[in-house]
Amino acid sequence: MRLEPPKFLAAAAHQTGDNALHGQELARMLPSMTGHLVGLSEIASMLGVTRQRASQLVRDYDDFPPPVAELAAGRVWDTAAVEAWAKAHPERPPGRRVKEWGQGS
């Protein structure tokens, strides 16, 4: 999954003059700086589910990887950890997981 740089960086990359090179460098660096991190929207895309369903999966599966950071904009996860979790859980039923017998109500 390739993340596109924000629009302000793309605009900076098209500048002219002394700032143009800096803007282009910044636009190239952003995917390598953040490509290893994903939020709920990216997790939803990776798993082929809605953002709401991704939120349920994060909440309901005890073995879902913990977020690496919690920012004002929300939690972020390590991309490789989420991919590994998805491989280990190829079949995820829709809705909430059914609890095992004897594990509460």
PDB file of N, CA and C in Angstrom:
ATOM      1  N   MET A   1       0.845  -1.168   0.000  1.00  0.00           N
ATOM      2  CA  MET A   1       0.000   0.000   0.000  1.00  0.00           C
ATOM      3  C   MET A   1       0.894   1.236   0.000  1.00  0.00           C
ATOM      4  N   ARG A   2       0.712   2.118  -0.969  1.00  0.00           N
ATOM      5  CA  ARG A   2       1.522   3.328  -1.057  1.00  0.00           C
ATOM      6  C   ARG A   2       0.686   4.511  -0.615  1.00  0.00           C
ATOM      7  N   LEU A   3       1.189   5.245   0.366  1.00  0.00           N
ATOM      8  CA  LEU A   3       0.489   6.424   0.845  1.00  0.00           C
ATOM      9  C   LEU A   3       0.965   7.639   0.059  1.00  0.00           C
ATOM     10  N   GLU A   4       0.043   8.451  -0.350  1.00  0.00           N
ATOM     11  CA  GLU A   4       0.380   9.657  -1.100  1.00  0.00           C
ATOM     12  C   GLU A   4       0.692  10.784  -0.127  1.00  0.00           C
ATOM     13  N   PRO A   5       1.646  11.659  -0.488  1.00  0.00           N
ATOM     14  CA  PRO A   5       1.943  12.793   0.378  1.00  0.00           C
ATOM     15  C   PRO A   5       0.750  13.738   0.459  1.00  0.00           C
ATOM     16  N   PRO A   6       0.598  14.440   1.574  1.00  0.00           N
ATOM     17  CA  PRO A   6      -0.489  15.413   1.678  1.00  0.00           C
ATOM     18  C   PRO A   6      -0.393  16.457   0.572  1.00  0.00           C
ATOM     19  N   LYS A   7      -1.527  17.086   0.277  1.00  0.00           N
ATOM     20  CA  LYS A   7      -1.587  18.052  -0.828  1.00  0.00           C
ATOM     21  C   LYS A   7      -0.611  19.208  -0.656  1.00  0.00           C
ATOM     22  N   PHE A   8      -0.387  19.655   0.588  1.00  0.00           N
ATOM     23  CA  PHE A   8       0.519  20.781   0.752  1.00  0.00           C
ATOM     24  C   PHE A   8       1.946  20.402   0.372  1.00  0.00           C
ATOM     25  N   LEU A   9       2.319  19.120   0.560  1.00  0.00           N
ATOM     26  CA  LEU A   9       3.651  18.697   0.148  1.00  0.00           C
ATOM     27  C   LEU A   9       3.736  18.568  -1.364  1.00  0.00           C
ATOM     28  N   ALA A  10       2.668  18.079  -1.967  1.00  0.00           N
ATOM     29  CA  ALA A  10       2.652  17.974  -3.423  1.00  0.00           C
ATOM     30  C   ALA A  10       2.759  19.369  -4.036  1.00  0.00           C
ATOM     31  N   ALA A  11       2.074  20.332  -3.423  1.00  0.00           N
ATOM     32  CA  ALA A  11       2.157  21.710  -3.922  1.00  0.00           C
ATOM     33  C   ALA A  11       3.563  22.248  -3.746  1.00  0.00           C
ATOM     34  N   ALA A  12       4.193  21.932  -2.620  1.00  0.00           N
ATOM     35  CA  ALA A  12       5.558  22.396  -2.367  1.00  0.00           C
ATOM     36  C   ALA A  12       6.523  21.817  -3.395  1.00  0.00           C
ATOM     37  N   ALA A  13       6.246  20.593  -3.839  1.00  0.00           N
ATOM     38  CA  ALA A  13       7.124  19.956  -4.814  1.00  0.00           C
ATOM     39  C   ALA A  13       7.080  20.655  -6.170  1.00  0.00           C
ATOM     40  N   HIS A  14       6.028  21.425  -6.436  1.00  0.00           N
ATOM     41  CA  HIS A  14       5.896  22.102  -7.719  1.00  0.00           C
ATOM     42  C   HIS A  14       6.320  23.558  -7.662  1.00  0.00           C
ATOM     43  N   GLN A  15       6.893  23.985  -6.546  1.00  0.00           N
ATOM     44  CA  GLN A  15       7.360  25.361  -6.423  1.00  0.00           C
ATOM     45  C   GLN A  15       8.563  25.600  -7.332  1.00  0.00           C
ATOM     46  N   THR A  16       8.848  26.859  -7.524  1.00  0.00           N
ATOM     47  CA  THR A  16      10.050  27.224  -8.272  1.00  0.00           C
ATOM     48  C   THR A  16      10.986  27.990  -7.349  1.00  0.00           C
ATOM     49  N   GLY A  17      12.229  28.081  -7.725  1.00  0.00           N
ATOM     50  CA  GLY A  17      13.182  28.834  -6.923  1.00  0.00           C
ATOM     51  C   GLY A  17      13.864  27.963  -5.877  1.00  0.00           C
ATOM     52  N   ASP A  18      14.439  28.622  -4.876  1.00  0.00           N
ATOM     53  CA  ASP A  18      15.223  27.934  -3.853  1.00  0.00           C
ATOM     54  C   ASP A  18      14.405  26.929  -3.041  1.00  0.00           C
ATOM     55  N   ASN A  19      13.133  27.211  -2.832  1.00  0.00           N
ATOM     56  CA  ASN A  19      12.306  26.321  -2.013  1.00  0.00           C
ATOM     57  C   ASN A  19      11.842  25.083  -2.764  1.00  0.00           C
ATOM     58  N   ALA A  20      11.978  25.072  -4.082  1.00  0.00           N
ATOM     59  CA  ALA A  20      11.484  23.949  -4.874  1.00  0.00           C
ATOM     60  C   ALA A  20      12.190  22.649  -4.505  1.00  0.00           C
ATOM     61  N   LEU A  21      13.488  22.670  -4.388  1.00  0.00           N
ATOM     62  CA  LEU A  21      14.240  21.464  -4.071  1.00  0.00           C
ATOM     63  C   LEU A  21      13.839  20.939  -2.703  1.00  0.00           C
ATOM     64  N   HIS A  22      13.714  21.831  -1.739  1.00  0.00           N
ATOM     65  CA  HIS A  22      13.320  21.416  -0.387  1.00  0.00           C
ATOM     66  C   HIS A  22      11.938  20.755  -0.417  1.00  0.00           C
ATOM     67  N   GLY A  23      11.008  21.342  -1.146  1.00  0.00           N
ATOM     68  CA  GLY A  23       9.658  20.782  -1.239  1.00  0.00           C
ATOM     69  C   GLY A  23       9.665  19.411  -1.886  1.00  0.00           C
ATOM     70  N   GLN A  24      10.465  19.233  -2.932  1.00  0.00           N
ATOM     71  CA  GLN A  24      10.552  17.939  -3.608  1.00  0.00           C
ATOM     72  C   GLN A  24      11.177  16.894  -2.693  1.00  0.00           C
ATOM     73  N   GLU A  25      12.213  17.273  -1.971  1.00  0.00           N
ATOM     74  CA  GLU A  25      12.853  16.342  -1.042  1.00  0.00           C
ATOM     75  C   GLU A  25      11.875  15.917   0.046  1.00  0.00           C
ATOM     76  N   LEU A  26      11.131  16.884   0.567  1.00  0.00           N
ATOM     77  CA  LEU A  26      10.167  16.596   1.614  1.00  0.00           C
ATOM     78  C   LEU A  26       9.063  15.666   1.106  1.00  0.00           C
ATOM     79  N   ALA A  27       8.580  15.916  -0.104  1.00  0.00           N
ATOM     80  CA  ALA A  27       7.532  15.072  -0.683  1.00  0.00           C
ATOM     81  C   ALA A  27       8.028  13.644  -0.898  1.00  0.00           C
ATOM     82  N   ARG A  28       9.299  13.478  -1.277  1.00  0.00           N
ATOM     83  CA  ARG A  28       9.869  12.129  -1.457  1.00  0.00           C
ATOM     84  C   ARG A  28      10.094  11.434  -0.122  1.00  0.00           C
ATOM     85  N   MET A  29      10.460  12.196   0.898  1.00  0.00           N
ATOM     86  CA  MET A  29      10.777  11.609   2.199  1.00  0.00           C
ATOM     87  C   MET A  29       9.539  11.157   2.950  1.00  0.00           C
ATOM     88  N   LEU A  30       8.415  11.816   2.776  1.00  0.00           N
ATOM     89  CA  LEU A  30       7.232  11.529   3.584  1.00  0.00           C
ATOM     90  C   LEU A  30       6.804  10.077   3.540  1.00  0.00           C
ATOM     91  N   PRO A  31       6.664   9.432   2.364  1.00  0.00           N
ATOM     92  CA  PRO A  31       6.254   8.022   2.378  1.00  0.00           C
ATOM     93  C   PRO A  31       7.229   7.129   3.138  1.00  0.00           C
ATOM     94  N   SER A  32       8.511   7.389   3.054  1.00  0.00           N
ATOM     95  CA  SER A  32       9.457   6.547   3.782  1.00  0.00           C
ATOM     96  C   SER A  32       9.409   6.834   5.280  1.00  0.00           C
ATOM     97  N   MET A  33       9.025   8.048   5.649  1.00  0.00           N
ATOM     98  CA  MET A  33       8.933   8.386   7.063  1.00  0.00           C
ATOM     99  C   MET A  33       7.654   7.839   7.686  1.00  0.00           C
ATOM    100  N   THR A  34       6.582   7.753   6.925  1.00  0.00           N
ATOM    101  CA  THR A  34       5.289   7.370   7.502  1.00  0.00           C
ATOM    102  C   THR A  34       4.717   6.092   6.920  1.00  0.00           C
ATOM    103  N   GLY A  35       5.322   5.529   5.899  1.00  0.00           N
ATOM    104  CA  GLY A  35       4.779   4.338   5.247  1.00  0.00           C
ATOM    105  C   GLY A  35       4.692   3.134   6.158  1.00  0.00           C
ATOM    106  N   HIS A  36       5.448   3.147   7.232  1.00  0.00           N
ATOM    107  CA  HIS A  36       5.406   2.020   8.162  1.00  0.00           C
ATOM    108  C   HIS A  36       4.315   2.184   9.208  1.00  0.00           C
ATOM    109  N   LEU A  37       3.547   3.274   9.134  1.00  0.00           N
ATOM    110  CA  LEU A  37       2.481   3.533  10.086  1.00  0.00           C
ATOM    111  C   LEU A  37       1.135   3.593   9.381  1.00  0.00           C
ATOM    112  N   VAL A  38       0.102   3.075  10.055  1.00  0.00           N
ATOM    113  CA  VAL A  38      -1.254   3.131   9.511  1.00  0.00           C
ATOM    114  C   VAL A  38      -2.233   3.504  10.615  1.00  0.00           C
ATOM    115  N   GLY A  39      -3.300   4.180  10.211  1.00  0.00           N
ATOM    116  CA  GLY A  39      -4.400   4.503  11.104  1.00  0.00           C
ATOM    117  C   GLY A  39      -5.581   3.594  10.794  1.00  0.00           C
ATOM    118  N   LEU A  40      -6.708   3.846  11.431  1.00  0.00           N
ATOM    119  CA  LEU A  40      -7.889   3.001  11.221  1.00  0.00           C
ATOM    120  C   LEU A  40      -8.349   2.977   9.769  1.00  0.00           C
ATOM    121  N   SER A  41      -8.303   4.104   9.091  1.00  0.00           N
ATOM    122  CA  SER A  41      -8.743   4.126   7.686  1.00  0.00           C
ATOM    123  C   SER A  41      -7.872   3.235   6.814  1.00  0.00           C
ATOM    124  N   GLU A  42      -6.556   3.288   7.037  1.00  0.00           N
ATOM    125  CA  GLU A  42      -5.646   2.443   6.260  1.00  0.00           C
ATOM    126  C   GLU A  42      -5.830   0.968   6.622  1.00  0.00           C
ATOM    127  N   ILE A  43      -6.049   0.677   7.902  1.00  0.00           N
ATOM    128  CA  ILE A  43      -6.307  -0.707   8.324  1.00  0.00           C
ATOM    129  C   ILE A  43      -7.562  -1.223   7.639  1.00  0.00           C
ATOM    130  N   ALA A  44      -8.594  -0.397   7.592  1.00  0.00           N
ATOM    131  CA  ALA A  44      -9.832  -0.789   6.912  1.00  0.00           C
ATOM    132  C   ALA A  44      -9.564  -1.125   5.449  1.00  0.00           C
ATOM    133  N   SER A  45      -8.775  -0.299   4.766  1.00  0.00           N
ATOM    134  CA  SER A  45      -8.432  -0.562   3.367  1.00  0.00           C
ATOM    135  C   SER A  45      -7.631  -1.847   3.225  1.00  0.00           C
ATOM    136  N   MET A  46      -6.669  -2.053   4.126  1.00  0.00           N
ATOM    137  CA  MET A  46      -5.833  -3.248   4.071  1.00  0.00           C
ATOM    138  C   MET A  46      -6.667  -4.520   4.230  1.00  0.00           C
ATOM    139  N   LEU A  47      -7.670  -4.464   5.107  1.00  0.00           N
ATOM    140  CA  LEU A  47      -8.473  -5.649   5.412  1.00  0.00           C
ATOM    141  C   LEU A  47      -9.726  -5.770   4.555  1.00  0.00           C
ATOM    142  N   GLY A  48     -10.014  -4.747   3.765  1.00  0.00           N
ATOM    143  CA  GLY A  48     -11.196  -4.782   2.912  1.00  0.00           C
ATOM    144  C   GLY A  48     -12.491  -4.668   3.692  1.00  0.00           C
ATOM    145  N   VAL A  49     -12.472  -3.865   4.756  1.00  0.00           N
ATOM    146  CA  VAL A  49     -13.657  -3.671   5.594  1.00  0.00           C
ATOM    147  C   VAL A  49     -13.897  -2.177   5.761  1.00  0.00           C
ATOM    148  N   THR A  50     -15.016  -1.833   6.404  1.00  0.00           N
ATOM    149  CA  THR A  50     -15.285  -0.425   6.679  1.00  0.00           C
ATOM    150  C   THR A  50     -14.414   0.046   7.844  1.00  0.00           C
ATOM    151  N   ARG A  51     -14.336   1.341   8.005  1.00  0.00           N
ATOM    152  CA  ARG A  51     -13.578   1.904   9.122  1.00  0.00           C
ATOM    153  C   ARG A  51     -14.197   1.466  10.450  1.00  0.00           C
ATOM    154  N   GLN A  52     -15.509   1.409  10.489  1.00  0.00           N
ATOM    155  CA  GLN A  52     -16.193   0.978  11.709  1.00  0.00           C
ATOM    156  C   GLN A  52     -15.852  -0.474  12.039  1.00  0.00           C
ATOM    157  N   ARG A  53     -15.816  -1.333  11.016  1.00  0.00           N
ATOM    158  CA  ARG A  53     -15.465  -2.739  11.243  1.00  0.00           C
ATOM    159  C   ARG A  53     -14.005  -2.866  11.681  1.00  0.00           C
ATOM    160  N   ALA A  54     -13.127  -2.063  11.107  1.00  0.00           N
ATOM    161  CA  ALA A  54     -11.730  -2.076  11.522  1.00  0.00           C
ATOM    162  C   ALA A  54     -11.627  -1.701  12.998  1.00  0.00           C
ATOM    163  N   SER A  55     -12.398  -0.714  13.415  1.00  0.00           N
ATOM    164  CA  SER A  55     -12.405  -0.317  14.819  1.00  0.00           C
ATOM    165  C   SER A  55     -12.861  -1.467  15.716  1.00  0.00           C
ATOM    166  N   GLN A  56     -13.877  -2.211  15.261  1.00  0.00           N
ATOM    167  CA  GLN A  56     -14.341  -3.385  16.021  1.00  0.00           C
ATOM    168  C   GLN A  56     -13.247  -4.434  16.128  1.00  0.00           C
ATOM    169  N   LEU A  57     -12.561  -4.707  15.048  1.00  0.00           N
ATOM    170  CA  LEU A  57     -11.508  -5.721  15.057  1.00  0.00           C
ATOM    171  C   LEU A  57     -10.395  -5.339  16.024  1.00  0.00           C
ATOM    172  N   VAL A  58      -9.995  -4.078  15.983  1.00  0.00           N
ATOM    173  CA  VAL A  58      -8.955  -3.585  16.883  1.00  0.00           C
ATOM    174  C   VAL A  58      -9.394  -3.769  18.334  1.00  0.00           C
ATOM    175  N   ARG A  59     -10.642  -3.462  18.612  1.00  0.00           N
ATOM    176  CA  ARG A  59     -11.173  -3.538  19.977  1.00  0.00           C
ATOM    177  C   ARG A  59     -11.428  -4.973  20.433  1.00  0.00           C
ATOM    178  N   ASP A  60     -11.963  -5.812  19.554  1.00  0.00           N
ATOM    179  CA  ASP A  60     -12.465  -7.124  19.977  1.00  0.00           C
ATOM    180  C   ASP A  60     -11.440  -8.251  19.954  1.00  0.00           C
ATOM    181  N   TYR A  61     -10.377  -8.115  19.189  1.00  0.00           N
ATOM    182  CA  TYR A  61      -9.381  -9.184  19.124  1.00  0.00           C
ATOM    183  C   TYR A  61      -8.243  -8.865  20.090  1.00  0.00           C
ATOM    184  N   ASP A  62      -8.107  -9.709  21.104  1.00  0.00           N
ATOM    185  CA  ASP A  62      -7.079  -9.488  22.122  1.00  0.00           C
ATOM    186  C   ASP A  62      -5.670  -9.512  21.533  1.00  0.00           C
ATOM    187  N   ASP A  63      -5.488 -10.236  20.433  1.00  0.00           N
ATOM    188  CA  ASP A  63      -4.150 -10.347  19.857  1.00  0.00           C
ATOM    189  C   ASP A  63      -3.882  -9.325  18.747  1.00  0.00           C
ATOM    190  N   PHE A  64      -4.815  -8.379  18.547  1.00  0.00           N
ATOM    191  CA  PHE A  64      -4.546  -7.331  17.554  1.00  0.00           C
ATOM    192  C   PHE A  64      -3.373  -6.512  18.078  1.00  0.00           C
ATOM    193  N   PRO A  65      -2.422  -6.159  17.205  1.00  0.00           N
ATOM    194  CA  PRO A  65      -1.243  -5.429  17.675  1.00  0.00           C
ATOM    195  C   PRO A  65      -1.627  -4.118  18.358  1.00  0.00           C
ATOM    196  N   PRO A  66      -0.919  -3.765  19.413  1.00  0.00           N
ATOM    197  CA  PRO A  66      -1.212  -2.482  20.063  1.00  0.00           C
ATOM    198  C   PRO A  66      -0.733  -1.325  19.189  1.00  0.00           C
ATOM    199  N   PRO A  67      -1.365  -0.166  19.323  1.00  0.00           N
ATOM    200  CA  PRO A  67      -0.882   0.987  18.560  1.00  0.00           C
ATOM    201  C   PRO A  67       0.511   1.377  19.032  1.00  0.00           C
ATOM    202  N   VAL A  68       1.303   1.895  18.110  1.00  0.00           N
ATOM    203  CA  VAL A  68       2.651   2.338  18.477  1.00  0.00           C
ATOM    204  C   VAL A  68       2.626   3.748  19.042  1.00  0.00           C
ATOM    205  N   ALA A  69       1.564   4.488  18.761  1.00  0.00           N
ATOM    206  CA  ALA A  69       1.425   5.843  19.297  1.00  0.00           C
ATOM    207  C   ALA A  69      -0.038   6.244  19.277  1.00  0.00           C
ATOM    208  N   GLU A  70      -0.374   7.121  20.198  1.00  0.00           N
ATOM    209  CA  GLU A  70      -1.712   7.715  20.201  1.00  0.00           C
ATOM    210  C   GLU A  70      -1.528   9.217  20.058  1.00  0.00           C
ATOM    211  N   LEU A  71      -1.948   9.726  18.914  1.00  0.00           N
ATOM    212  CA  LEU A  71      -1.780  11.139  18.588  1.00  0.00           C
ATOM    213  C   LEU A  71      -3.106  11.863  18.764  1.00  0.00           C
ATOM    214  N   ALA A  72      -3.081  13.165  18.682  1.00  0.00           N
ATOM    215  CA  ALA A  72      -4.321  13.935  18.741  1.00  0.00           C
ATOM    216  C   ALA A  72      -5.255  13.513  17.598  1.00  0.00           C
ATOM    217  N   ALA A  73      -4.670  13.115  16.471  1.00  0.00           N
ATOM    218  CA  ALA A  73      -5.457  12.691  15.315  1.00  0.00           C
ATOM    219  C   ALA A  73      -5.952  11.250  15.436  1.00  0.00           C
ATOM    220  N   GLY A  74      -5.449  10.512  16.408  1.00  0.00           N
ATOM    221  CA  GLY A  74      -5.879   9.124  16.592  1.00  0.00           C
ATOM    222  C   GLY A  74      -4.689   8.195  16.769  1.00  0.00           C
ATOM    223  N   ARG A  75      -5.007   6.918  16.906  1.00  0.00           N
ATOM    224  CA  ARG A  75      -3.976   5.902  17.113  1.00  0.00           C
ATOM    225  C   ARG A  75      -3.336   5.515  15.785  1.00  0.00           C
ATOM    226  N   VAL A  76      -2.066   5.097  15.849  1.00  0.00           N
ATOM    227  CA  VAL A  76      -1.365   4.589  14.674  1.00  0.00           C
ATOM    228  C   VAL A  76      -0.702   3.266  15.027  1.00  0.00           C
ATOM    229  N   TRP A  77      -0.670   2.370  14.045  1.00  0.00           N
ATOM    230  CA  TRP A  77      -0.127   1.033  14.214  1.00  0.00           C
ATOM    231  C   TRP A  77       1.023   0.819  13.250  1.00  0.00           C
ATOM    232  N   ASP A  78       1.858  -0.146  13.580  1.00  0.00           N
ATOM    233  CA  ASP A  78       2.933  -0.571  12.702  1.00  0.00           C
ATOM    234  C   ASP A  78       2.324  -1.381  11.556  1.00  0.00           C
ATOM    235  N   THR A  79       2.596  -0.983  10.320  1.00  0.00           N
ATOM    236  CA  THR A  79       2.017  -1.639   9.147  1.00  0.00           C
ATOM    237  C   THR A  79       2.342  -3.128   9.115  1.00  0.00           C
ATOM    238  N   ALA A  80       3.600  -3.484   9.350  1.00  0.00           N
ATOM    239  CA  ALA A  80       4.008  -4.887   9.291  1.00  0.00           C
ATOM    240  C   ALA A  80       3.284  -5.719  10.345  1.00  0.00           C
ATOM    241  N   ALA A  81       3.059  -5.159  11.528  1.00  0.00           N
ATOM    242  CA  ALA A  81       2.354  -5.887  12.585  1.00  0.00           C
ATOM    243  C   ALA A  81       0.899  -6.143  12.200  1.00  0.00           C
ATOM    244  N   VAL A  82       0.264  -5.151  11.586  1.00  0.00           N
ATOM    245  CA  VAL A  82      -1.133  -5.323  11.140  1.00  0.00           C
ATOM    246  C   VAL A  82      -1.195  -6.348  10.014  1.00  0.00           C
ATOM    247  N   GLU A  83      -0.239  -6.304   9.075  1.00  0.00           N
ATOM    248  CA  GLU A  83      -0.210  -7.282   7.987  1.00  0.00           C
ATOM    249  C   GLU A  83      -0.018  -8.693   8.527  1.00  0.00           C
ATOM    250  N   ALA A  84       0.860  -8.854   9.513  1.00  0.00           N
ATOM    251  CA  ALA A  84       1.085 -10.174  10.119  1.00  0.00           C
ATOM    252  C   ALA A  84      -0.172 -10.658  10.822  1.00  0.00           C
ATOM    253  N   TRP A  85      -0.867  -9.764  11.507  1.00  0.00           N
ATOM    254  CA  TRP A  85      -2.115 -10.136  12.182  1.00  0.00           C
ATOM    255  C   TRP A  85      -3.151 -10.584  11.151  1.00  0.00           C
ATOM    256  N   ALA A  86      -3.271  -9.847  10.055  1.00  0.00           N
ATOM    257  CA  ALA A  86      -4.248 -10.187   9.019  1.00  0.00           C
ATOM    258  C   ALA A  86      -3.951 -11.563   8.423  1.00  0.00           C
ATOM    259  N   LYS A  87      -2.663 -11.891   8.233  1.00  0.00           N
ATOM    260  CA  LYS A  87      -2.291 -13.211   7.716  1.00  0.00           C
ATOM    261  C   LYS A  87      -2.683 -14.312   8.697  1.00  0.00           C
ATOM    262  N   ALA A  88      -2.544 -14.036   9.984  1.00  0.00           N
ATOM    263  CA  ALA A  88      -2.872 -15.024  11.015  1.00  0.00           C
ATOM    264  C   ALA A  88      -4.379 -15.174  11.203  1.00  0.00           C
ATOM    265  N   HIS A  89      -5.160 -14.239  10.677  1.00  0.00           N
ATOM    266  CA  HIS A  89      -6.621 -14.256  10.810  1.00  0.00           C
ATOM    267  C   HIS A  89      -7.273 -14.107   9.440  1.00  0.00           C
ATOM    268  N   PRO A  90      -7.089 -15.095   8.553  1.00  0.00           N
ATOM    269  CA  PRO A  90      -7.638 -14.943   7.200  1.00  0.00           C
ATOM    270  C   PRO A  90      -9.160 -14.925   7.165  1.00  0.00           C
ATOM    271  N   GLU A  91      -9.791 -15.580   8.128  1.00  0.00           N
ATOM    272  CA  GLU A  91     -11.260 -15.592   8.167  1.00  0.00           C
ATOM    273  C   GLU A  91     -11.721 -14.823   9.389  1.00  0.00           C
ATOM    274  N   ARG A  92     -12.318 -13.678   9.130  1.00  0.00           N
ATOM    275  CA  ARG A  92     -12.843 -12.847  10.212  1.00  0.00           C
ATOM    276  C   ARG A  92     -14.330 -12.692   9.973  1.00  0.00           C
ATOM    277  N   PRO A  93     -15.166 -13.329  10.813  1.00  0.00           N
ATOM    278  CA  PRO A  93     -16.607 -13.203  10.595  1.00  0.00           C
ATOM    279  C   PRO A  93     -17.059 -11.760  10.792  1.00  0.00           C
ATOM    280  N   PRO A  94     -18.127 -11.385  10.099  1.00  0.00           N
ATOM    281  CA  PRO A  94     -18.625 -10.019  10.278  1.00  0.00           C
ATOM    282  C   PRO A  94     -19.195  -9.835  11.682  1.00  0.00           C
ATOM    283  N   GLY A  95     -19.213  -8.621  12.147  1.00  0.00           N
ATOM    284  CA  GLY A  95     -19.775  -8.321  13.457  1.00  0.00           C
ATOM    285  C   GLY A  95     -18.851  -8.723  14.582  1.00  0.00           C
ATOM    286  N   ARG A  96     -19.419  -8.758  15.777  1.00  0.00           N
ATOM    287  CA  ARG A  96     -18.620  -9.095  16.955  1.00  0.00           C
ATOM    288  C   ARG A  96     -18.275 -10.570  16.979  1.00  0.00           C
ATOM    289  N   ARG A  97     -17.091 -10.847  17.548  1.00  0.00           N
ATOM    290  CA  ARG A  97     -16.682 -12.238  17.720  1.00  0.00           C
ATOM    291  C   ARG A  97     -17.583 -12.877  18.755  1.00  0.00           C
ATOM    292  N   VAL A  98     -17.916 -14.150  18.533  1.00  0.00           N
ATOM    293  CA  VAL A  98     -18.691 -14.893  19.510  1.00  0.00           C
ATOM    294  C   VAL A  98     -17.708 -15.360  20.584  1.00  0.00           C
ATOM    295  N   LYS A  99     -18.034 -15.053  21.853  1.00  0.00           N
ATOM    296  CA  LYS A  99     -17.148 -15.451  22.939  1.00  0.00           C
ATOM    297  C   LYS A  99     -17.220 -16.959  23.134  1.00  0.00           C
ATOM    298  N   GLU A 100     -16.094 -17.525  23.540  1.00  0.00           N
ATOM    299  CA  GLU A 100     -16.038 -18.959  23.824  1.00  0.00           C
ATOM    300  C   GLU A 100     -16.954 -19.271  25.002  1.00  0.00           C
ATOM    301  N   TRP A 101     -17.501 -20.470  25.002  1.00  0.00           N
ATOM    302  CA  TRP A 101     -18.375 -20.896  26.085  1.00  0.00           C
ATOM    303  C   TRP A 101     -17.653 -20.759  27.399  1.00  0.00           C
ATOM    304  N   GLY A 102     -18.284 -20.135  28.380  1.00  0.00           N
ATOM    305  CA  GLY A 102     -17.684 -19.975  29.697  1.00  0.00           C
ATOM    306  C   GLY A 102     -16.830 -18.735  29.847  1.00  0.00           C
ATOM    307  N   GLN A 103     -16.779 -17.883  28.840  1.00  0.00           N
ATOM    308  CA  GLN A 103     -15.980 -16.652  28.934  1.00  0.00           C
ATOM    309  C   GLN A 103     -16.869 -15.432  29.114  1.00  0.00           C
ATOM    310  N   GLY A 104     -17.788 -15.492  29.989  1.00  0.00           N
ATOM    311  CA  GLY A 104     -18.662 -14.342  30.225  1.00  0.00           C
ATOM    312  C   GLY A 104     -19.915 -14.415  29.392  1.00  0.00           C
ATOM    313  N   SER A 105     -20.678 -13.319  29.416  1.00  0.00           N
ATOM    314  CA  SER A 105     -21.978 -13.322  28.736  1.00  0.00           C
ATOM    315  C   SER A 105     -21.881 -12.912  27.299  1.00  0.00           C
TER     316      SER A 105
END
